[in-house]
Amino acid sequence: MLQQKYASHPLIYPDIIEERLYQRNIARAALDRNALVILPTALGKTVISALVAADTLYNYRDLRVLVMAPTRPLVMSIREAFRA
């Protein structure tokens, strides 16, 4: 049986985010420059943004992260995902 590997980061609870190489690669690229991530539904755009936010907040502790979305339900969904 294939064992799940989870993302490891000081600001992310252990065993919460399944590690997916393409998400990690996109998150790393987004840390170096502005990025627009276009992926189909359910491929992890929120996870990618959480990874970028966690790295940013960890490396620049005096900064804050602002997440914006076009609809209130989407904002609430992202908020719950970040809290988890």
PDB file of N, CA and C in Angstrom:
ATOM      1  N   MET A   1       0.841  -1.188   0.000  1.00  0.00           N
ATOM      2  CA  MET A   1       0.000   0.000   0.000  1.00  0.00           C
ATOM      3  C   MET A   1       0.880   1.242   0.000  1.00  0.00           C
ATOM      4  N   LEU A   2       0.477   2.240  -0.762  1.00  0.00           N
ATOM      5  CA  LEU A   2       1.237   3.484  -0.878  1.00  0.00           C
ATOM      6  C   LEU A   2       1.011   4.347   0.357  1.00  0.00           C
ATOM      7  N   GLN A   3       2.102   4.777   0.971  1.00  0.00           N
ATOM      8  CA  GLN A   3       2.007   5.604   2.172  1.00  0.00           C
ATOM      9  C   GLN A   3       1.899   7.076   1.776  1.00  0.00           C
ATOM     10  N   GLN A   4       0.977   7.806   2.423  1.00  0.00           N
ATOM     11  CA  GLN A   4       0.804   9.227   2.153  1.00  0.00           C
ATOM     12  C   GLN A   4       1.955  10.017   2.770  1.00  0.00           C
ATOM     13  N   LYS A   5       2.472  10.981   2.036  1.00  0.00           N
ATOM     14  CA  LYS A   5       3.489  11.881   2.555  1.00  0.00           C
ATOM     15  C   LYS A   5       2.838  13.244   2.744  1.00  0.00           C
ATOM     16  N   TYR A   6       3.109  13.861   3.871  1.00  0.00           N
ATOM     17  CA  TYR A   6       2.480  15.134   4.193  1.00  0.00           C
ATOM     18  C   TYR A   6       3.498  16.260   4.159  1.00  0.00           C
ATOM     19  N   ALA A   7       3.012  17.450   3.827  1.00  0.00           N
ATOM     20  CA  ALA A   7       3.860  18.638   3.798  1.00  0.00           C
ATOM     21  C   ALA A   7       4.362  18.934   5.205  1.00  0.00           C
ATOM     22  N   SER A   8       5.615  19.324   5.268  1.00  0.00           N
ATOM     23  CA  SER A   8       6.226  19.639   6.555  1.00  0.00           C
ATOM     24  C   SER A   8       6.643  21.107   6.560  1.00  0.00           C
ATOM     25  N   HIS A   9       6.122  21.838   7.537  1.00  0.00           N
ATOM     26  CA  HIS A   9       6.447  23.256   7.672  1.00  0.00           C
ATOM     27  C   HIS A   9       6.169  23.660   9.115  1.00  0.00           C
ATOM     28  N   PRO A  10       6.996  24.519   9.696  1.00  0.00           N
ATOM     29  CA  PRO A  10       6.782  24.923  11.096  1.00  0.00           C
ATOM     30  C   PRO A  10       5.432  25.587  11.369  1.00  0.00           C
ATOM     31  N   LEU A  11       4.816  26.212  10.371  1.00  0.00           N
ATOM     32  CA  LEU A  11       3.548  26.903  10.587  1.00  0.00           C
ATOM     33  C   LEU A  11       2.329  26.091  10.143  1.00  0.00           C
ATOM     34  N   ILE A  12       2.553  24.865   9.695  1.00  0.00           N
ATOM     35  CA  ILE A  12       1.448  24.014   9.242  1.00  0.00           C
ATOM     36  C   ILE A  12       1.384  22.792  10.148  1.00  0.00           C
ATOM     37  N   TYR A  13       0.182  22.509  10.640  1.00  0.00           N
ATOM     38  CA  TYR A  13       0.004  21.334  11.491  1.00  0.00           C
ATOM     39  C   TYR A  13       0.455  20.083  10.740  1.00  0.00           C
ATOM     40  N   PRO A  14       1.122  19.155  11.437  1.00  0.00           N
ATOM     41  CA  PRO A  14       1.570  17.923  10.777  1.00  0.00           C
ATOM     42  C   PRO A  14       0.387  17.055  10.338  1.00  0.00           C
ATOM     43  N   ASP A  15       0.601  16.300   9.281  1.00  0.00           N
ATOM     44  CA  ASP A  15      -0.377  15.341   8.754  1.00  0.00           C
ATOM     45  C   ASP A  15      -1.692  15.986   8.332  1.00  0.00           C
ATOM     46  N   ILE A  16      -1.623  17.219   7.821  1.00  0.00           N
ATOM     47  CA  ILE A  16      -2.819  17.921   7.364  1.00  0.00           C
ATOM     48  C   ILE A  16      -2.836  18.045   5.836  1.00  0.00           C
ATOM     49  N   ILE A  17      -1.739  18.508   5.268  1.00  0.00           N
ATOM     50  CA  ILE A  17      -1.671  18.752   3.822  1.00  0.00           C
ATOM     51  C   ILE A  17      -0.876  17.639   3.162  1.00  0.00           C
ATOM     52  N   GLU A  18      -1.531  16.889   2.271  1.00  0.00           N
ATOM     53  CA  GLU A  18      -0.827  15.851   1.531  1.00  0.00           C
ATOM     54  C   GLU A  18       0.171  16.505   0.580  1.00  0.00           C
ATOM     55  N   GLU A  19       1.389  15.981   0.579  1.00  0.00           N
ATOM     56  CA  GLU A  19       2.450  16.526  -0.261  1.00  0.00           C
ATOM     57  C   GLU A  19       2.215  16.117  -1.708  1.00  0.00           C
ATOM     58  N   ARG A  20       2.091  17.101  -2.573  1.00  0.00           N
ATOM     59  CA  ARG A  20       1.990  16.863  -4.011  1.00  0.00           C
ATOM     60  C   ARG A  20       3.077  17.697  -4.670  1.00  0.00           C
ATOM     61  N   LEU A  21       3.909  17.037  -5.438  1.00  0.00           N
ATOM     62  CA  LEU A  21       5.093  17.676  -6.005  1.00  0.00           C
ATOM     63  C   LEU A  21       4.731  18.907  -6.846  1.00  0.00           C
ATOM     64  N   TYR A  22       3.694  18.807  -7.665  1.00  0.00           N
ATOM     65  CA  TYR A  22       3.356  19.943  -8.515  1.00  0.00           C
ATOM     66  C   TYR A  22       2.908  21.150  -7.677  1.00  0.00           C
ATOM     67  N   GLN A  23       2.218  20.918  -6.560  1.00  0.00           N
ATOM     68  CA  GLN A  23       1.815  22.028  -5.692  1.00  0.00           C
ATOM     69  C   GLN A  23       3.036  22.681  -5.057  1.00  0.00           C
ATOM     70  N   ARG A  24       3.970  21.862  -4.575  1.00  0.00           N
ATOM     71  CA  ARG A  24       5.185  22.389  -3.953  1.00  0.00           C
ATOM     72  C   ARG A  24       6.002  23.175  -4.972  1.00  0.00           C
ATOM     73  N   ASN A  25       6.112  22.674  -6.199  1.00  0.00           N
ATOM     74  CA  ASN A  25       6.873  23.378  -7.233  1.00  0.00           C
ATOM     75  C   ASN A  25       6.241  24.725  -7.587  1.00  0.00           C
ATOM     76  N   ILE A  26       4.924  24.759  -7.699  1.00  0.00           N
ATOM     77  CA  ILE A  26       4.234  26.028  -7.993  1.00  0.00           C
ATOM     78  C   ILE A  26       4.406  27.000  -6.833  1.00  0.00           C
ATOM     79  N   ALA A  27       4.297  26.507  -5.605  1.00  0.00           N
ATOM     80  CA  ALA A  27       4.470  27.363  -4.422  1.00  0.00           C
ATOM     81  C   ALA A  27       5.877  27.946  -4.380  1.00  0.00           C
ATOM     82  N   ARG A  28       6.891  27.139  -4.673  1.00  0.00           N
ATOM     83  CA  ARG A  28       8.272  27.639  -4.686  1.00  0.00           C
ATOM     84  C   ARG A  28       8.450  28.729  -5.736  1.00  0.00           C
ATOM     85  N   ALA A  29       7.873  28.511  -6.915  1.00  0.00           N
ATOM     86  CA  ALA A  29       7.982  29.510  -7.982  1.00  0.00           C
ATOM     87  C   ALA A  29       7.271  30.804  -7.583  1.00  0.00           C
ATOM     88  N   ALA A  30       6.143  30.688  -6.903  1.00  0.00           N
ATOM     89  CA  ALA A  30       5.377  31.870  -6.495  1.00  0.00           C
ATOM     90  C   ALA A  30       6.082  32.665  -5.407  1.00  0.00           C
ATOM     91  N   LEU A  31       6.973  32.037  -4.664  1.00  0.00           N
ATOM     92  CA  LEU A  31       7.711  32.762  -3.626  1.00  0.00           C
ATOM     93  C   LEU A  31       8.712  33.746  -4.225  1.00  0.00           C
ATOM     94  N   ASP A  32       9.204  33.452  -5.415  1.00  0.00           N
ATOM     95  CA  ASP A  32      10.244  34.266  -6.035  1.00  0.00           C
ATOM     96  C   ASP A  32       9.716  35.446  -6.835  1.00  0.00           C
ATOM     97  N   ARG A  33       8.426  35.400  -7.182  1.00  0.00           N
ATOM     98  CA  ARG A  33       7.873  36.456  -8.034  1.00  0.00           C
ATOM     99  C   ARG A  33       6.347  36.436  -7.934  1.00  0.00           C
ATOM    100  N   ASN A  34       5.713  37.424  -8.513  1.00  0.00           N
ATOM    101  CA  ASN A  34       4.256  37.425  -8.592  1.00  0.00           C
ATOM    102  C   ASN A  34       3.815  36.249  -9.454  1.00  0.00           C
ATOM    103  N   ALA A  35       2.700  35.658  -9.081  1.00  0.00           N
ATOM    104  CA  ALA A  35       2.247  34.490  -9.833  1.00  0.00           C
ATOM    105  C   ALA A  35       0.731  34.465  -9.922  1.00  0.00           C
ATOM    106  N   LEU A  36       0.250  33.985 -11.033  1.00  0.00           N
ATOM    107  CA  LEU A  36      -1.164  33.713 -11.233  1.00  0.00           C
ATOM    108  C   LEU A  36      -1.272  32.223 -11.489  1.00  0.00           C
ATOM    109  N   VAL A  37      -1.942  31.519 -10.601  1.00  0.00           N
ATOM    110  CA  VAL A  37      -2.049  30.066 -10.709  1.00  0.00           C
ATOM    111  C   VAL A  37      -3.419  29.720 -11.277  1.00  0.00           C
ATOM    112  N   ILE A  38      -3.404  29.059 -12.409  1.00  0.00           N
ATOM    113  CA  ILE A  38      -4.642  28.641 -13.061  1.00  0.00           C
ATOM    114  C   ILE A  38      -4.634  27.121 -13.116  1.00  0.00           C
ATOM    115  N   LEU A  39      -5.511  26.519 -12.343  1.00  0.00           N
ATOM    116  CA  LEU A  39      -5.645  25.063 -12.300  1.00  0.00           C
ATOM    117  C   LEU A  39      -7.130  24.725 -12.271  1.00  0.00           C
ATOM    118  N   PRO A  40      -7.488  23.534 -12.749  1.00  0.00           N
ATOM    119  CA  PRO A  40      -8.884  23.105 -12.628  1.00  0.00           C
ATOM    120  C   PRO A  40      -9.300  22.975 -11.165  1.00  0.00           C
ATOM    121  N   THR A  41     -10.589  22.935 -10.955  1.00  0.00           N
ATOM    122  CA  THR A  41     -11.148  22.786  -9.616  1.00  0.00           C
ATOM    123  C   THR A  41     -10.597  21.529  -8.943  1.00  0.00           C
ATOM    124  N   ALA A  42     -10.317  21.664  -7.646  1.00  0.00           N
ATOM    125  CA  ALA A  42      -9.883  20.552  -6.779  1.00  0.00           C
ATOM    126  C   ALA A  42      -8.453  20.082  -7.019  1.00  0.00           C
ATOM    127  N   LEU A  43      -7.612  20.912  -7.639  1.00  0.00           N
ATOM    128  CA  LEU A  43      -6.210  20.536  -7.792  1.00  0.00           C
ATOM    129  C   LEU A  43      -5.293  21.259  -6.819  1.00  0.00           C
ATOM    130  N   GLY A  44      -5.857  22.056  -5.896  1.00  0.00           N
ATOM    131  CA  GLY A  44      -5.052  22.553  -4.805  1.00  0.00           C
ATOM    132  C   GLY A  44      -4.586  23.983  -4.862  1.00  0.00           C
ATOM    133  N   LYS A  45      -5.341  24.869  -5.474  1.00  0.00           N
ATOM    134  CA  LYS A  45      -4.935  26.280  -5.485  1.00  0.00           C
ATOM    135  C   LYS A  45      -4.905  26.854  -4.068  1.00  0.00           C
ATOM    136  N   THR A  46      -5.862  26.458  -3.228  1.00  0.00           N
ATOM    137  CA  THR A  46      -5.874  26.926  -1.841  1.00  0.00           C
ATOM    138  C   THR A  46      -4.681  26.376  -1.082  1.00  0.00           C
ATOM    139  N   VAL A  47      -4.327  25.131  -1.325  1.00  0.00           N
ATOM    140  CA  VAL A  47      -3.146  24.536  -0.679  1.00  0.00           C
ATOM    141  C   VAL A  47      -1.890  25.282  -1.102  1.00  0.00           C
ATOM    142  N   ILE A  48      -1.781  25.583  -2.384  1.00  0.00           N
ATOM    143  CA  ILE A  48      -0.618  26.327  -2.876  1.00  0.00           C
ATOM    144  C   ILE A  48      -0.535  27.685  -2.196  1.00  0.00           C
ATOM    145  N   SER A  49      -1.670  28.375  -2.093  1.00  0.00           N
ATOM    146  CA  SER A  49      -1.646  29.687  -1.446  1.00  0.00           C
ATOM    147  C   SER A  49      -1.306  29.563   0.041  1.00  0.00           C
ATOM    148  N   ALA A  50      -1.755  28.501   0.683  1.00  0.00           N
ATOM    149  CA  ALA A  50      -1.413  28.282   2.098  1.00  0.00           C
ATOM    150  C   ALA A  50       0.081  28.020   2.261  1.00  0.00           C
ATOM    151  N   LEU A  51       0.670  27.260   1.348  1.00  0.00           N
ATOM    152  CA  LEU A  51       2.115  27.000   1.417  1.00  0.00           C
ATOM    153  C   LEU A  51       2.913  28.287   1.222  1.00  0.00           C
ATOM    154  N   VAL A  52       2.492  29.107   0.262  1.00  0.00           N
ATOM    155  CA  VAL A  52       3.171  30.389   0.019  1.00  0.00           C
ATOM    156  C   VAL A  52       3.004  31.304   1.228  1.00  0.00           C
ATOM    157  N   ALA A  53       1.805  31.377   1.780  1.00  0.00           N
ATOM    158  CA  ALA A  53       1.550  32.223   2.946  1.00  0.00           C
ATOM    159  C   ALA A  53       2.388  31.760   4.138  1.00  0.00           C
ATOM    160  N   ALA A  54       2.444  30.452   4.361  1.00  0.00           N
ATOM    161  CA  ALA A  54       3.225  29.925   5.490  1.00  0.00           C
ATOM    162  C   ALA A  54       4.699  30.261   5.340  1.00  0.00           C
ATOM    163  N   ASP A  55       5.249  30.072   4.139  1.00  0.00           N
ATOM    164  CA  ASP A  55       6.661  30.408   3.919  1.00  0.00           C
ATOM    165  C   ASP A  55       6.916  31.897   4.105  1.00  0.00           C
ATOM    166  N   THR A  56       6.019  32.725   3.581  1.00  0.00           N
ATOM    167  CA  THR A  56       6.174  34.174   3.706  1.00  0.00           C
ATOM    168  C   THR A  56       6.121  34.608   5.168  1.00  0.00           C
ATOM    169  N   LEU A  57       5.132  34.117   5.896  1.00  0.00           N
ATOM    170  CA  LEU A  57       4.994  34.497   7.301  1.00  0.00           C
ATOM    171  C   LEU A  57       6.144  33.974   8.157  1.00  0.00           C
ATOM    172  N   TYR A  58       6.681  32.838   7.802  1.00  0.00           N
ATOM    173  CA  TYR A  58       7.796  32.275   8.562  1.00  0.00           C
ATOM    174  C   TYR A  58       9.096  33.033   8.303  1.00  0.00           C
ATOM    175  N   ASN A  59       9.329  33.371   7.042  1.00  0.00           N
ATOM    176  CA  ASN A  59      10.593  34.035   6.672  1.00  0.00           C
ATOM    177  C   ASN A  59      10.584  35.538   6.930  1.00  0.00           C
ATOM    178  N   TYR A  60       9.409  36.136   6.943  1.00  0.00           N
ATOM    179  CA  TYR A  60       9.284  37.579   7.154  1.00  0.00           C
ATOM    180  C   TYR A  60       8.240  37.788   8.247  1.00  0.00           C
ATOM    181  N   ARG A  61       8.641  37.595   9.467  1.00  0.00           N
ATOM    182  CA  ARG A  61       7.704  37.560  10.592  1.00  0.00           C
ATOM    183  C   ARG A  61       6.989  38.875  10.863  1.00  0.00           C
ATOM    184  N   ASP A  62       7.479  39.966  10.309  1.00  0.00           N
ATOM    185  CA  ASP A  62       6.814  41.247  10.521  1.00  0.00           C
ATOM    186  C   ASP A  62       5.764  41.550   9.440  1.00  0.00           C
ATOM    187  N   LEU A  63       5.644  40.670   8.447  1.00  0.00           N
ATOM    188  CA  LEU A  63       4.677  40.875   7.363  1.00  0.00           C
ATOM    189  C   LEU A  63       3.339  40.210   7.683  1.00  0.00           C
ATOM    190  N   ARG A  64       2.358  40.559   6.884  1.00  0.00           N
ATOM    191  CA  ARG A  64       1.038  39.932   6.948  1.00  0.00           C
ATOM    192  C   ARG A  64       0.672  39.467   5.548  1.00  0.00           C
ATOM    193  N   VAL A  65      -0.304  38.604   5.488  1.00  0.00           N
ATOM    194  CA  VAL A  65      -0.766  38.087   4.201  1.00  0.00           C
ATOM    195  C   VAL A  65      -2.227  38.467   4.030  1.00  0.00           C
ATOM    196  N   LEU A  66      -2.553  39.012   2.879  1.00  0.00           N
ATOM    197  CA  LEU A  66      -3.928  39.358   2.543  1.00  0.00           C
ATOM    198  C   LEU A  66      -4.389  38.422   1.441  1.00  0.00           C
ATOM    199  N   VAL A  67      -5.480  37.728   1.679  1.00  0.00           N
ATOM    200  CA  VAL A  67      -6.058  36.822   0.685  1.00  0.00           C
ATOM    201  C   VAL A  67      -7.367  37.428   0.215  1.00  0.00           C
ATOM    202  N   MET A  68      -7.516  37.558  -1.103  1.00  0.00           N
ATOM    203  CA  MET A  68      -8.736  38.135  -1.663  1.00  0.00           C
ATOM    204  C   MET A  68      -9.373  37.128  -2.611  1.00  0.00           C
ATOM    205  N   ALA A  69     -10.685  37.159  -2.691  1.00  0.00           N
ATOM    206  CA  ALA A  69     -11.426  36.291  -3.591  1.00  0.00           C
ATOM    207  C   ALA A  69     -12.655  37.044  -4.086  1.00  0.00           C
ATOM    208  N   PRO A  70     -13.213  36.642  -5.226  1.00  0.00           N
ATOM    209  CA  PRO A  70     -14.311  37.412  -5.823  1.00  0.00           C
ATOM    210  C   PRO A  70     -15.680  37.228  -5.165  1.00  0.00           C
ATOM    211  N   THR A  71     -15.852  36.183  -4.363  1.00  0.00           N
ATOM    212  CA  THR A  71     -17.161  35.974  -3.737  1.00  0.00           C
ATOM    213  C   THR A  71     -16.992  35.675  -2.253  1.00  0.00           C
ATOM    214  N   ARG A  72     -18.010  36.019  -1.478  1.00  0.00           N
ATOM    215  CA  ARG A  72     -17.975  35.750  -0.042  1.00  0.00           C
ATOM    216  C   ARG A  72     -17.871  34.253   0.275  1.00  0.00           C
ATOM    217  N   PRO A  73     -18.627  33.378  -0.401  1.00  0.00           N
ATOM    218  CA  PRO A  73     -18.482  31.944  -0.105  1.00  0.00           C
ATOM    219  C   PRO A  73     -17.062  31.428  -0.346  1.00  0.00           C
ATOM    220  N   LEU A  74     -16.419  31.932  -1.379  1.00  0.00           N
ATOM    221  CA  LEU A  74     -15.040  31.515  -1.640  1.00  0.00           C
ATOM    222  C   LEU A  74     -14.098  32.035  -0.552  1.00  0.00           C
ATOM    223  N   VAL A  75     -14.298  33.255  -0.121  1.00  0.00           N
ATOM    224  CA  VAL A  75     -13.498  33.807   0.977  1.00  0.00           C
ATOM    225  C   VAL A  75     -13.661  32.951   2.229  1.00  0.00           C
ATOM    226  N   MET A  76     -14.903  32.576   2.547  1.00  0.00           N
ATOM    227  CA  MET A  76     -15.163  31.763   3.735  1.00  0.00           C
ATOM    228  C   MET A  76     -14.537  30.373   3.601  1.00  0.00           C
ATOM    229  N   SER A  77     -14.565  29.813   2.414  1.00  0.00           N
ATOM    230  CA  SER A  77     -13.958  28.506   2.174  1.00  0.00           C
ATOM    231  C   SER A  77     -12.449  28.557   2.371  1.00  0.00           C
ATOM    232  N   ILE A  78     -11.817  29.577   1.824  1.00  0.00           N
ATOM    233  CA  ILE A  78     -10.366  29.744   1.982  1.00  0.00           C
ATOM    234  C   ILE A  78     -10.023  29.992   3.451  1.00  0.00           C
ATOM    235  N   ARG A  79     -10.825  30.795   4.106  1.00  0.00           N
ATOM    236  CA  ARG A  79     -10.602  31.076   5.534  1.00  0.00           C
ATOM    237  C   ARG A  79     -10.615  29.790   6.354  1.00  0.00           C
ATOM    238  N   GLU A  80     -11.596  28.944   6.107  1.00  0.00           N
ATOM    239  CA  GLU A  80     -11.684  27.671   6.845  1.00  0.00           C
ATOM    240  C   GLU A  80     -10.513  26.750   6.525  1.00  0.00           C
ATOM    241  N   ALA A  81     -10.095  26.738   5.271  1.00  0.00           N
ATOM    242  CA  ALA A  81      -8.949  25.919   4.889  1.00  0.00           C
ATOM    243  C   ALA A  81      -7.674  26.407   5.567  1.00  0.00           C
ATOM    244  N   PHE A  82      -7.486  27.720   5.644  1.00  0.00           N
ATOM    245  CA  PHE A  82      -6.304  28.266   6.310  1.00  0.00           C
ATOM    246  C   PHE A  82      -6.336  27.969   7.814  1.00  0.00           C
ATOM    247  N   ARG A  83      -7.501  28.051   8.389  1.00  0.00           N
ATOM    248  CA  ARG A  83      -7.606  27.764   9.831  1.00  0.00           C
ATOM    249  C   ARG A  83      -7.288  26.298  10.136  1.00  0.00           C
ATOM    250  N   ALA A  84      -7.697  25.425   9.254  1.00  0.00           N
ATOM    251  CA  ALA A  84      -7.447  23.996   9.473  1.00  0.00           C
ATOM    252  C   ALA A  84      -5.974  23.700   9.350  1.00  0.00           C
TER     253      ALA A  84
END
